[in-house]
Amino acid sequence: MKASFSDQLRLLELARLDRDVSAAETARRHPPQTARVQELLAQRQAQSTELTGLLAARDDAQTELSRLETDVALVDARVARDRQLLATSSNAKEVQGLEHELGSLAKRKSDLEDLELEIMERLEAAEASVAAQQALIAATNDEGARLSAEGKAAVAEATARQEAAARDRAAVAAALPADLVAQYDKLSAGSAGAGLLRRRTCEGCNMVLSGTDLQTVRQAAEDDVVFCPECGCILVRTDESGL
């Protein structure tokens, strides 16, 4: 195959644009924020599970405290009734019974109030734990929202780069001979497609050509299309080739 030096040189630009298109596509499909966002989703799930347990403990304490408050109210009502009866009773035996019951009720109320204090302390600790866990979840959500927004921006930027590189690539390809582009496209499926031969090294695969291979390249005419014996890409020769 024959191609002018200038056309062969433009293959390097075509290869560069293909690399740009590929890199932009990779960046579009895999923005750098994705891995951390996935970690945060799993983290939030674990935090939400933990919060469910903390909420249950808090609700249990609230229920128990409400029950104790009801019990105290019942004791207070009973005390009020007994005191009223005591104030109006003239029966010694009844008075004795009421005084005994009032003593028992006082003990019962004291015990209930002690329990109330314990439950209130437990409830306070439970509410603090819930608040702390909710703060953790909020922080996780905030980071996730920020990274998601950054990821969307990165995808949009990569898409724009990909589209621009694809347009430039189409323009370069259209200006080259069709058979040369077809050969390049065929080779680029398994190699760099085209690479500069610099200092006897193929920049398509970074392999140094042997003496025999270099001699073959030296003997080729300027408009001959030559190929790397290692990777098969089109070797573009310039003054830097070391021939």
C-alpha atoms as a PDB file:
ATOM      1  CA  MET A   1       0.000   0.000   0.000  1.00  0.00           C
ATOM      2  CA  LYS A   2       1.153   3.514  -0.837  1.00  0.00           C
ATOM      3  CA  ALA A   3       0.353   6.777   0.964  1.00  0.00           C
ATOM      4  CA  SER A   4       2.031  10.161   1.042  1.00  0.00           C
ATOM      5  CA  PHE A   5       4.188  11.084   3.988  1.00  0.00           C
ATOM      6  CA  SER A   6       1.724  13.796   5.034  1.00  0.00           C
ATOM      7  CA  ASP A   7      -1.182  11.333   4.985  1.00  0.00           C
ATOM      8  CA  GLN A   8       0.783   8.796   7.006  1.00  0.00           C
ATOM      9  CA  LEU A   9       1.714  11.528   9.480  1.00  0.00           C
ATOM     10  CA  ARG A  10      -1.965  12.417   9.916  1.00  0.00           C
ATOM     11  CA  LEU A  11      -2.619   8.832  10.959  1.00  0.00           C
ATOM     12  CA  LEU A  12      -0.902   9.742  14.229  1.00  0.00           C
ATOM     13  CA  GLU A  13      -3.515  12.450  14.739  1.00  0.00           C
ATOM     14  CA  LEU A  14      -6.230   9.912  13.937  1.00  0.00           C
ATOM     15  CA  ALA A  15      -4.770   7.512  16.498  1.00  0.00           C
ATOM     16  CA  ARG A  16      -4.574  10.276  19.107  1.00  0.00           C
ATOM     17  CA  LEU A  17      -8.209  11.203  18.544  1.00  0.00           C
ATOM     18  CA  ASP A  18      -9.217   7.553  18.819  1.00  0.00           C
ATOM     19  CA  ARG A  19      -7.431   7.403  22.173  1.00  0.00           C
ATOM     20  CA  ASP A  20      -9.248  10.568  23.238  1.00  0.00           C
ATOM     21  CA  VAL A  21     -12.598   9.075  22.228  1.00  0.00           C
ATOM     22  CA  SER A  22     -11.820   5.860  24.118  1.00  0.00           C
ATOM     23  CA  ALA A  23     -10.616   7.689  27.233  1.00  0.00           C
ATOM     24  CA  ALA A  24     -13.677   9.942  27.240  1.00  0.00           C
ATOM     25  CA  GLU A  25     -15.978   6.940  26.843  1.00  0.00           C
ATOM     26  CA  THR A  26     -14.298   5.218  29.793  1.00  0.00           C
ATOM     27  CA  ALA A  27     -14.609   8.385  31.872  1.00  0.00           C
ATOM     28  CA  ARG A  28     -18.270   8.708  30.873  1.00  0.00           C
ATOM     29  CA  ARG A  29     -19.086   5.133  31.838  1.00  0.00           C
ATOM     30  CA  HIS A  30     -16.977   5.090  34.990  1.00  0.00           C
ATOM     31  CA  PRO A  31     -16.808   8.515  36.659  1.00  0.00           C
ATOM     32  CA  PRO A  32     -14.327   8.538  39.552  1.00  0.00           C
ATOM     33  CA  GLN A  33     -17.104   9.179  42.076  1.00  0.00           C
ATOM     34  CA  THR A  34     -18.927   5.898  41.322  1.00  0.00           C
ATOM     35  CA  ALA A  35     -16.986   3.648  43.707  1.00  0.00           C
ATOM     36  CA  ARG A  36     -17.389   6.020  46.653  1.00  0.00           C
ATOM     37  CA  VAL A  37     -21.101   6.500  45.914  1.00  0.00           C
ATOM     38  CA  GLN A  38     -21.562   2.724  46.031  1.00  0.00           C
ATOM     39  CA  GLU A  39     -19.691   2.605  49.340  1.00  0.00           C
ATOM     40  CA  LEU A  40     -21.954   5.338  50.713  1.00  0.00           C
ATOM     41  CA  LEU A  41     -25.091   3.483  49.631  1.00  0.00           C
ATOM     42  CA  ALA A  42     -23.958   0.400  51.535  1.00  0.00           C
ATOM     43  CA  GLN A  43     -22.898   2.576  54.481  1.00  0.00           C
ATOM     44  CA  ARG A  44     -26.281   4.310  54.588  1.00  0.00           C
ATOM     45  CA  GLN A  45     -28.065   0.962  54.518  1.00  0.00           C
ATOM     46  CA  ALA A  46     -26.056  -0.207  57.529  1.00  0.00           C
ATOM     47  CA  GLN A  47     -26.618   3.101  59.299  1.00  0.00           C
ATOM     48  CA  SER A  48     -30.363   2.926  58.630  1.00  0.00           C
ATOM     49  CA  THR A  49     -30.491  -0.589  60.060  1.00  0.00           C
ATOM     50  CA  GLU A  50     -28.686   0.649  63.158  1.00  0.00           C
ATOM     51  CA  LEU A  51     -31.090   3.587  63.421  1.00  0.00           C
ATOM     52  CA  THR A  52     -34.069   1.225  63.307  1.00  0.00           C
ATOM     53  CA  GLY A  53     -32.730  -0.583  66.369  1.00  0.00           C
ATOM     54  CA  LEU A  54     -32.040   2.692  68.198  1.00  0.00           C
ATOM     55  CA  LEU A  55     -35.524   4.003  67.429  1.00  0.00           C
ATOM     56  CA  ALA A  56     -37.048   0.787  68.766  1.00  0.00           C
ATOM     57  CA  ALA A  57     -35.061   1.150  72.007  1.00  0.00           C
ATOM     58  CA  ARG A  58     -36.137   4.783  72.336  1.00  0.00           C
ATOM     59  CA  ASP A  59     -39.794   3.921  71.675  1.00  0.00           C
ATOM     60  CA  ASP A  60     -39.663   1.120  74.247  1.00  0.00           C
ATOM     61  CA  ALA A  61     -38.328   3.555  76.845  1.00  0.00           C
ATOM     62  CA  GLN A  62     -41.012   6.098  75.962  1.00  0.00           C
ATOM     63  CA  THR A  63     -43.731   3.420  76.282  1.00  0.00           C
ATOM     64  CA  GLU A  64     -42.383   2.266  79.621  1.00  0.00           C
ATOM     65  CA  LEU A  65     -42.176   5.836  80.901  1.00  0.00           C
ATOM     66  CA  SER A  66     -45.772   6.494  79.833  1.00  0.00           C
ATOM     67  CA  ARG A  67     -46.907   3.364  81.664  1.00  0.00           C
ATOM     68  CA  LEU A  68     -45.094   4.460  84.827  1.00  0.00           C
ATOM     69  CA  GLU A  69     -46.607   7.943  84.591  1.00  0.00           C
ATOM     70  CA  THR A  70     -50.036   6.344  84.353  1.00  0.00           C
ATOM     71  CA  ASP A  71     -49.297   4.183  87.385  1.00  0.00           C
ATOM     72  CA  VAL A  72     -48.171   7.239  89.377  1.00  0.00           C
ATOM     73  CA  ALA A  73     -51.340   9.086  88.385  1.00  0.00           C
ATOM     74  CA  LEU A  74     -53.430   6.136  89.603  1.00  0.00           C
ATOM     75  CA  VAL A  75     -51.546   6.109  92.918  1.00  0.00           C
ATOM     76  CA  ASP A  76     -52.056   9.865  93.306  1.00  0.00           C
ATOM     77  CA  ALA A  77     -55.774   9.455  92.642  1.00  0.00           C
ATOM     78  CA  ARG A  78     -55.982   6.666  95.216  1.00  0.00           C
ATOM     79  CA  VAL A  79     -54.082   8.783  97.775  1.00  0.00           C
ATOM     80  CA  ALA A  80     -56.426  11.717  97.210  1.00  0.00           C
ATOM     81  CA  ARG A  81     -59.438   9.485  97.685  1.00  0.00           C
ATOM     82  CA  ASP A  82     -58.048   7.895 100.867  1.00  0.00           C
ATOM     83  CA  ARG A  83     -57.150  11.260 102.344  1.00  0.00           C
ATOM     84  CA  GLN A  84     -60.654  12.501 101.669  1.00  0.00           C
ATOM     85  CA  LEU A  85     -62.117   9.420 103.344  1.00  0.00           C
ATOM     86  CA  LEU A  86     -59.692   9.803 106.238  1.00  0.00           C
ATOM     87  CA  ALA A  87     -60.747  13.389 106.769  1.00  0.00           C
ATOM     88  CA  THR A  88     -64.392  12.439 107.071  1.00  0.00           C
ATOM     89  CA  SER A  89     -64.165   9.067 108.811  1.00  0.00           C
ATOM     90  CA  SER A  90     -64.903   8.615 112.511  1.00  0.00           C
ATOM     91  CA  ASN A  91     -64.438   4.853 112.480  1.00  0.00           C
ATOM     92  CA  ALA A  92     -61.172   3.982 114.215  1.00  0.00           C
ATOM     93  CA  LYS A  93     -60.744   0.716 112.356  1.00  0.00           C
ATOM     94  CA  GLU A  94     -61.405   2.394 109.014  1.00  0.00           C
ATOM     95  CA  VAL A  95     -58.985   5.171 109.923  1.00  0.00           C
ATOM     96  CA  GLN A  96     -56.316   2.628 110.769  1.00  0.00           C
ATOM     97  CA  GLY A  97     -56.878   0.838 107.456  1.00  0.00           C
ATOM     98  CA  LEU A  98     -56.717   4.079 105.476  1.00  0.00           C
ATOM     99  CA  GLU A  99     -53.509   5.156 107.198  1.00  0.00           C
ATOM    100  CA  HIS A 100     -51.921   1.786 106.456  1.00  0.00           C
ATOM    101  CA  GLU A 101     -53.001   2.001 102.809  1.00  0.00           C
ATOM    102  CA  LEU A 102     -51.639   5.546 102.542  1.00  0.00           C
ATOM    103  CA  GLY A 103     -48.295   4.290 103.819  1.00  0.00           C
ATOM    104  CA  SER A 104     -48.290   1.522 101.242  1.00  0.00           C
ATOM    105  CA  LEU A 105     -49.260   3.983  98.509  1.00  0.00           C
ATOM    106  CA  ALA A 106     -46.435   6.330  99.519  1.00  0.00           C
ATOM    107  CA  LYS A 107     -43.956   3.449  99.217  1.00  0.00           C
ATOM    108  CA  ARG A 108     -45.468   2.448  95.892  1.00  0.00           C
ATOM    109  CA  LYS A 109     -45.206   6.003  94.572  1.00  0.00           C
ATOM    110  CA  SER A 110     -41.594   6.321  95.732  1.00  0.00           C
ATOM    111  CA  ASP A 111     -40.683   3.081  93.954  1.00  0.00           C
ATOM    112  CA  LEU A 112     -42.466   4.222  90.799  1.00  0.00           C
ATOM    113  CA  GLU A 113     -40.706   7.587  90.845  1.00  0.00           C
ATOM    114  CA  ASP A 114     -37.328   5.864  91.231  1.00  0.00           C
ATOM    115  CA  LEU A 115     -38.158   3.738  88.209  1.00  0.00           C
ATOM    116  CA  GLU A 116     -39.245   6.854  86.346  1.00  0.00           C
ATOM    117  CA  LEU A 117     -35.855   8.447  86.938  1.00  0.00           C
ATOM    118  CA  GLU A 118     -34.087   5.348  85.646  1.00  0.00           C
ATOM    119  CA  ILE A 119     -36.283   5.213  82.539  1.00  0.00           C
ATOM    120  CA  MET A 120     -35.894   8.945  81.935  1.00  0.00           C
ATOM    121  CA  GLU A 121     -32.110   8.555  82.016  1.00  0.00           C
ATOM    122  CA  ARG A 122     -32.362   5.603  79.643  1.00  0.00           C
ATOM    123  CA  LEU A 123     -34.687   7.565  77.373  1.00  0.00           C
ATOM    124  CA  GLU A 124     -32.330  10.545  77.346  1.00  0.00           C
ATOM    125  CA  ALA A 125     -29.425   8.291  76.344  1.00  0.00           C
ATOM    126  CA  ALA A 126     -31.576   6.602  73.683  1.00  0.00           C
ATOM    127  CA  GLU A 127     -32.643   9.950  72.225  1.00  0.00           C
ATOM    128  CA  ALA A 128     -29.002  11.079  72.118  1.00  0.00           C
ATOM    129  CA  SER A 129     -28.049   7.879  70.289  1.00  0.00           C
ATOM    130  CA  VAL A 130     -30.872   8.386  67.793  1.00  0.00           C
ATOM    131  CA  ALA A 131     -29.836  11.998  67.187  1.00  0.00           C
ATOM    132  CA  ALA A 132     -26.186  10.985  66.690  1.00  0.00           C
ATOM    133  CA  GLN A 133     -27.158   8.235  64.254  1.00  0.00           C
ATOM    134  CA  GLN A 134     -29.446  10.576  62.331  1.00  0.00           C
ATOM    135  CA  ALA A 135     -26.548  13.035  62.081  1.00  0.00           C
ATOM    136  CA  LEU A 136     -24.351  10.270  60.643  1.00  0.00           C
ATOM    137  CA  ILE A 137     -26.994   9.415  58.070  1.00  0.00           C
ATOM    138  CA  ALA A 138     -27.410  13.088  57.172  1.00  0.00           C
ATOM    139  CA  ALA A 139     -23.651  13.399  56.657  1.00  0.00           C
ATOM    140  CA  THR A 140     -23.653  10.275  54.493  1.00  0.00           C
ATOM    141  CA  ASN A 141     -26.566  11.632  52.457  1.00  0.00           C
ATOM    142  CA  ASP A 142     -24.845  14.995  52.033  1.00  0.00           C
ATOM    143  CA  GLU A 143     -21.639  13.382  50.800  1.00  0.00           C
ATOM    144  CA  GLY A 144     -23.601  11.102  48.499  1.00  0.00           C
ATOM    145  CA  ALA A 145     -25.558  14.010  47.040  1.00  0.00           C
ATOM    146  CA  ARG A 146     -22.370  16.008  46.500  1.00  0.00           C
ATOM    147  CA  LEU A 147     -20.566  13.125  44.833  1.00  0.00           C
ATOM    148  CA  SER A 148     -23.591  12.270  42.693  1.00  0.00           C
ATOM    149  CA  ALA A 149     -23.715  15.856  41.447  1.00  0.00           C
ATOM    150  CA  GLU A 150     -19.973  15.780  40.763  1.00  0.00           C
ATOM    151  CA  GLY A 151     -20.404  12.453  38.956  1.00  0.00           C
ATOM    152  CA  LYS A 152     -23.131  13.853  36.726  1.00  0.00           C
ATOM    153  CA  ALA A 153     -20.936  16.843  35.910  1.00  0.00           C
ATOM    154  CA  ALA A 154     -18.014  14.520  35.133  1.00  0.00           C
ATOM    155  CA  VAL A 155     -20.217  12.422  32.828  1.00  0.00           C
ATOM    156  CA  ALA A 156     -21.449  15.528  31.041  1.00  0.00           C
ATOM    157  CA  GLU A 157     -17.885  16.815  30.623  1.00  0.00           C
ATOM    158  CA  ALA A 158     -16.643  13.425  29.357  1.00  0.00           C
ATOM    159  CA  THR A 159     -19.573  13.196  26.940  1.00  0.00           C
ATOM    160  CA  ALA A 160     -18.711  16.626  25.545  1.00  0.00           C
ATOM    161  CA  ARG A 161     -15.054  15.600  25.134  1.00  0.00           C
ATOM    162  CA  GLN A 162     -16.059  12.372  23.444  1.00  0.00           C
ATOM    163  CA  GLU A 163     -18.375  14.113  21.009  1.00  0.00           C
ATOM    164  CA  ALA A 164     -15.744  16.756  20.178  1.00  0.00           C
ATOM    165  CA  ALA A 165     -13.036  14.127  19.622  1.00  0.00           C
ATOM    166  CA  ALA A 166     -15.406  12.047  17.481  1.00  0.00           C
ATOM    167  CA  ARG A 167     -16.189  15.084  15.308  1.00  0.00           C
ATOM    168  CA  ASP A 168     -12.502  15.881  14.889  1.00  0.00           C
ATOM    169  CA  ARG A 169     -11.774  12.240  14.149  1.00  0.00           C
ATOM    170  CA  ALA A 170     -14.424  12.151  11.432  1.00  0.00           C
ATOM    171  CA  ALA A 171     -12.977  15.305   9.858  1.00  0.00           C
ATOM    172  CA  VAL A 172      -9.430  13.891   9.844  1.00  0.00           C
ATOM    173  CA  ALA A 173     -10.585  10.536   8.444  1.00  0.00           C
ATOM    174  CA  ALA A 174     -12.589  12.241   5.691  1.00  0.00           C
ATOM    175  CA  ALA A 175      -9.454  14.091   4.526  1.00  0.00           C
ATOM    176  CA  LEU A 176      -7.409  10.870   4.199  1.00  0.00           C
ATOM    177  CA  PRO A 177      -7.518   8.240   1.443  1.00  0.00           C
ATOM    178  CA  ALA A 178     -10.326   5.772   2.103  1.00  0.00           C
ATOM    179  CA  ASP A 179      -8.117   2.706   1.638  1.00  0.00           C
ATOM    180  CA  LEU A 180      -5.555   4.047   4.145  1.00  0.00           C
ATOM    181  CA  VAL A 181      -8.270   4.733   6.727  1.00  0.00           C
ATOM    182  CA  ALA A 182      -9.763   1.292   6.116  1.00  0.00           C
ATOM    183  CA  GLN A 183      -6.369  -0.325   6.714  1.00  0.00           C
ATOM    184  CA  TYR A 184      -5.841   1.753   9.837  1.00  0.00           C
ATOM    185  CA  ASP A 185      -9.309   0.878  11.176  1.00  0.00           C
ATOM    186  CA  LYS A 186      -8.666  -2.817  10.573  1.00  0.00           C
ATOM    187  CA  LEU A 187      -5.375  -2.679  12.437  1.00  0.00           C
ATOM    188  CA  SER A 188      -6.692  -0.507  15.282  1.00  0.00           C
ATOM    189  CA  ALA A 189      -9.037  -3.317  16.311  1.00  0.00           C
ATOM    190  CA  GLY A 190      -6.014  -5.160  17.713  1.00  0.00           C
ATOM    191  CA  SER A 191      -3.294  -2.527  18.048  1.00  0.00           C
ATOM    192  CA  ALA A 192      -2.683   1.198  18.191  1.00  0.00           C
ATOM    193  CA  GLY A 193      -3.501   1.356  14.477  1.00  0.00           C
ATOM    194  CA  ALA A 194      -0.578   3.693  13.812  1.00  0.00           C
ATOM    195  CA  GLY A 195       2.475   4.615  15.807  1.00  0.00           C
ATOM    196  CA  LEU A 196       5.449   6.889  15.399  1.00  0.00           C
ATOM    197  CA  LEU A 197       8.787   5.156  14.888  1.00  0.00           C
ATOM    198  CA  ARG A 198      11.014   7.145  17.246  1.00  0.00           C
ATOM    199  CA  ARG A 199      14.629   6.194  17.938  1.00  0.00           C
ATOM    200  CA  ARG A 200      14.029   2.751  16.444  1.00  0.00           C
ATOM    201  CA  THR A 201      11.120   2.182  18.842  1.00  0.00           C
ATOM    202  CA  CYS A 202       7.513   1.686  17.802  1.00  0.00           C
ATOM    203  CA  GLU A 203       5.440   3.972  19.975  1.00  0.00           C
ATOM    204  CA  GLY A 204       2.394   1.855  19.218  1.00  0.00           C
ATOM    205  CA  CYS A 205       3.762  -0.999  21.365  1.00  0.00           C
ATOM    206  CA  ASN A 206       7.014   0.491  22.782  1.00  0.00           C
ATOM    207  CA  MET A 207       9.090  -2.313  21.270  1.00  0.00           C
ATOM    208  CA  VAL A 208      12.561  -1.660  19.830  1.00  0.00           C
ATOM    209  CA  LEU A 209      12.906  -2.964  16.280  1.00  0.00           C
ATOM    210  CA  SER A 210      15.667  -5.458  15.580  1.00  0.00           C
ATOM    211  CA  GLY A 211      18.445  -4.734  13.136  1.00  0.00           C
ATOM    212  CA  THR A 212      16.862  -6.868  10.417  1.00  0.00           C
ATOM    213  CA  ASP A 213      13.471  -5.187  10.815  1.00  0.00           C
ATOM    214  CA  LEU A 214      15.076  -1.750  10.771  1.00  0.00           C
ATOM    215  CA  GLN A 215      16.884  -2.622   7.562  1.00  0.00           C
ATOM    216  CA  THR A 216      13.575  -3.581   5.957  1.00  0.00           C
ATOM    217  CA  VAL A 217      12.065  -0.263   7.032  1.00  0.00           C
ATOM    218  CA  ARG A 218      15.100   1.665   5.743  1.00  0.00           C
ATOM    219  CA  GLN A 219      14.704   0.108   2.329  1.00  0.00           C
ATOM    220  CA  ALA A 220      11.036   1.113   2.055  1.00  0.00           C
ATOM    221  CA  ALA A 221      10.160   4.136  -0.071  1.00  0.00           C
ATOM    222  CA  GLU A 222       8.837   7.237   1.663  1.00  0.00           C
ATOM    223  CA  ASP A 223       5.307   6.576   0.386  1.00  0.00           C
ATOM    224  CA  ASP A 224       5.348   2.880   1.285  1.00  0.00           C
ATOM    225  CA  VAL A 225       3.098   1.988   4.194  1.00  0.00           C
ATOM    226  CA  VAL A 226       5.163  -0.159   6.541  1.00  0.00           C
ATOM    227  CA  PHE A 227       4.070  -2.093   9.580  1.00  0.00           C
ATOM    228  CA  CYS A 228       5.534  -2.824  12.983  1.00  0.00           C
ATOM    229  CA  PRO A 229       6.720  -6.444  13.046  1.00  0.00           C
ATOM    230  CA  GLU A 230       5.759  -6.655  16.731  1.00  0.00           C
ATOM    231  CA  CYS A 231       2.225  -5.207  16.996  1.00  0.00           C
ATOM    232  CA  GLY A 232       1.270  -4.814  13.345  1.00  0.00           C
ATOM    233  CA  CYS A 233       0.404  -1.106  13.489  1.00  0.00           C
ATOM    234  CA  ILE A 234       1.372   1.283  10.700  1.00  0.00           C
ATOM    235  CA  LEU A 235       4.831   2.684  11.401  1.00  0.00           C
ATOM    236  CA  VAL A 236       5.042   6.400  10.690  1.00  0.00           C
ATOM    237  CA  ARG A 237       8.615   7.380   9.847  1.00  0.00           C
ATOM    238  CA  THR A 238      10.088  10.820  10.510  1.00  0.00           C
ATOM    239  CA  ASP A 239      13.539  12.326  11.085  1.00  0.00           C
ATOM    240  CA  GLU A 240      13.251  11.065  14.659  1.00  0.00           C
ATOM    241  CA  SER A 241      13.018   7.418  13.610  1.00  0.00           C
ATOM    242  CA  GLY A 242      16.735   6.780  13.865  1.00  0.00           C
ATOM    243  CA  LEU A 243      16.990   5.157  10.480  1.00  0.00           C
END
